[in-house]
């Protein structure tokens, strides 16, 4: 299992982001339901968001985010950072190992 930080940067005014925020969160819920996502939320200041995710490959996680309403509506750009979680809280062991 590979692990990723997805750094989302808004490219439109917050008024446009707010119009599709509920669709974006509904989309993210699919990732939680499929155990791809561990956490997500807006950056502070609110210039984008951050997602912590896992998948079999970077192509799989990029493909998942192609369906994000922010991406579809050209409201954000994405940076995918792969990392190895060598240290973590014990409560995350199963998630990190993909169990």
Protein backbone atom coordinates (compact mmCIF):
# COMPACT_ATOMS: atom_id res chain seq x y z
CA UNK A 1 0.00 0.00 0.00
CA UNK A 2 1.29 3.47 -0.90
CA UNK A 3 0.49 6.62 1.08
CA UNK A 4 -0.10 10.14 -0.17
CA UNK A 5 -0.62 13.70 0.88
CA UNK A 6 -2.86 15.43 -1.64
CA UNK A 7 -2.41 19.18 -1.56
CA UNK A 8 -5.38 20.91 -3.19
CA UNK A 9 -5.05 24.57 -4.21
CA UNK A 10 -8.09 26.59 -5.22
CA UNK A 11 -7.87 28.45 -8.51
CA UNK A 12 -11.20 30.29 -8.25
CA UNK A 13 -12.78 32.60 -5.66
CA UNK A 14 -14.18 31.02 -2.48
CA UNK A 15 -17.69 31.94 -3.61
CA UNK A 16 -17.36 29.38 -6.43
CA UNK A 17 -15.81 26.79 -4.06
CA UNK A 18 -18.72 27.23 -1.65
CA UNK A 19 -21.20 26.51 -4.46
CA UNK A 20 -19.81 23.01 -4.98
CA UNK A 21 -18.47 22.26 -1.48
CA UNK A 22 -21.27 19.82 -0.63
CA UNK A 23 -20.63 17.90 -3.91
CA UNK A 24 -16.91 17.78 -3.09
CA UNK A 25 -17.59 16.41 0.39
CA UNK A 26 -19.99 13.82 -1.02
CA UNK A 27 -17.24 12.77 -3.42
CA UNK A 28 -14.72 12.53 -0.56
CA UNK A 29 -17.15 10.32 1.36
CA UNK A 30 -16.79 7.74 -1.42
CA UNK A 31 -13.07 7.67 -0.65
CA UNK A 32 -13.77 7.18 3.05
CA UNK A 33 -16.30 4.43 2.30
CA UNK A 34 -13.71 2.66 0.13
CA UNK A 35 -11.00 3.15 2.80
CA UNK A 36 -8.81 5.23 0.49
CA UNK A 37 -8.92 8.35 2.69
CA UNK A 38 -7.87 8.80 6.30
CA UNK A 39 -8.53 12.51 6.80
CA UNK A 40 -9.22 15.69 4.90
CA UNK A 41 -9.93 19.33 5.51
CA UNK A 42 -9.41 22.93 4.41
CA UNK A 43 -6.08 24.69 4.81
CA UNK A 44 -5.89 27.73 7.05
CA UNK A 45 -6.05 30.29 5.53
CA UNK A 46 -8.65 28.76 3.22
CA UNK A 47 -6.66 28.60 -0.01
CA UNK A 48 -7.22 24.90 -0.59
CA UNK A 49 -7.30 21.63 1.28
CA UNK A 50 -5.23 18.65 2.36
CA UNK A 51 -6.09 14.96 2.12
CA UNK A 52 -4.23 11.99 3.59
CA UNK A 53 -4.83 8.91 1.45
CA UNK A 54 -3.64 5.45 0.52
CA UNK A 55 -3.93 3.31 -2.60
CA UNK A 56 -2.15 0.60 -4.54
CA UNK A 57 -0.54 3.18 -6.84
CA UNK A 58 -0.28 6.88 -7.52
CA UNK A 59 -2.22 6.30 -10.74
CA UNK A 60 -5.13 4.87 -8.74
CA UNK A 61 -5.32 7.86 -6.38
CA UNK A 62 -4.92 10.34 -9.25
CA UNK A 63 -7.71 8.57 -11.12
CA UNK A 64 -9.93 8.81 -8.04
CA UNK A 65 -9.39 12.58 -7.80
CA UNK A 66 -10.22 13.04 -11.49
CA UNK A 67 -13.84 12.65 -10.35
CA UNK A 68 -13.60 15.40 -7.71
CA UNK A 69 -16.15 18.15 -8.45
CA UNK A 70 -13.38 20.69 -7.85
CA UNK A 71 -11.38 19.08 -10.67
CA UNK A 72 -14.37 18.62 -12.98
CA UNK A 73 -15.35 22.29 -12.54
CA UNK A 74 -11.74 23.51 -12.94
CA UNK A 75 -11.71 25.03 -9.46
CA UNK A 76 -8.48 23.54 -8.12
CA UNK A 77 -5.12 22.00 -8.91
CA UNK A 78 -3.68 18.97 -7.14
CA UNK A 79 -0.23 18.01 -5.91
CA UNK A 80 0.27 14.32 -5.04
CA UNK A 81 3.09 13.63 -2.60
CA UNK A 82 3.96 10.00 -1.90
CA UNK A 83 5.54 9.24 1.47
CA UNK A 84 6.42 6.28 3.68
CA UNK A 85 4.76 6.45 7.13
CA UNK A 86 7.63 4.82 9.04
CA UNK A 87 6.51 6.34 12.37
CA UNK A 88 2.87 6.53 13.41
CA UNK A 89 0.45 6.21 16.29
CA UNK A 90 -0.30 2.54 17.07
CA UNK A 91 -4.01 3.14 16.41
CA UNK A 92 -3.16 3.70 12.72
CA UNK A 93 -1.30 0.41 12.23
CA UNK A 94 -4.11 -1.44 10.44
CA UNK A 95 -4.92 1.46 8.14
CA UNK A 96 -1.29 1.93 7.18
CA UNK A 97 -0.88 -1.80 6.52
CA UNK A 98 -4.07 -1.83 4.43
CA UNK A 99 -6.07 -4.09 6.75
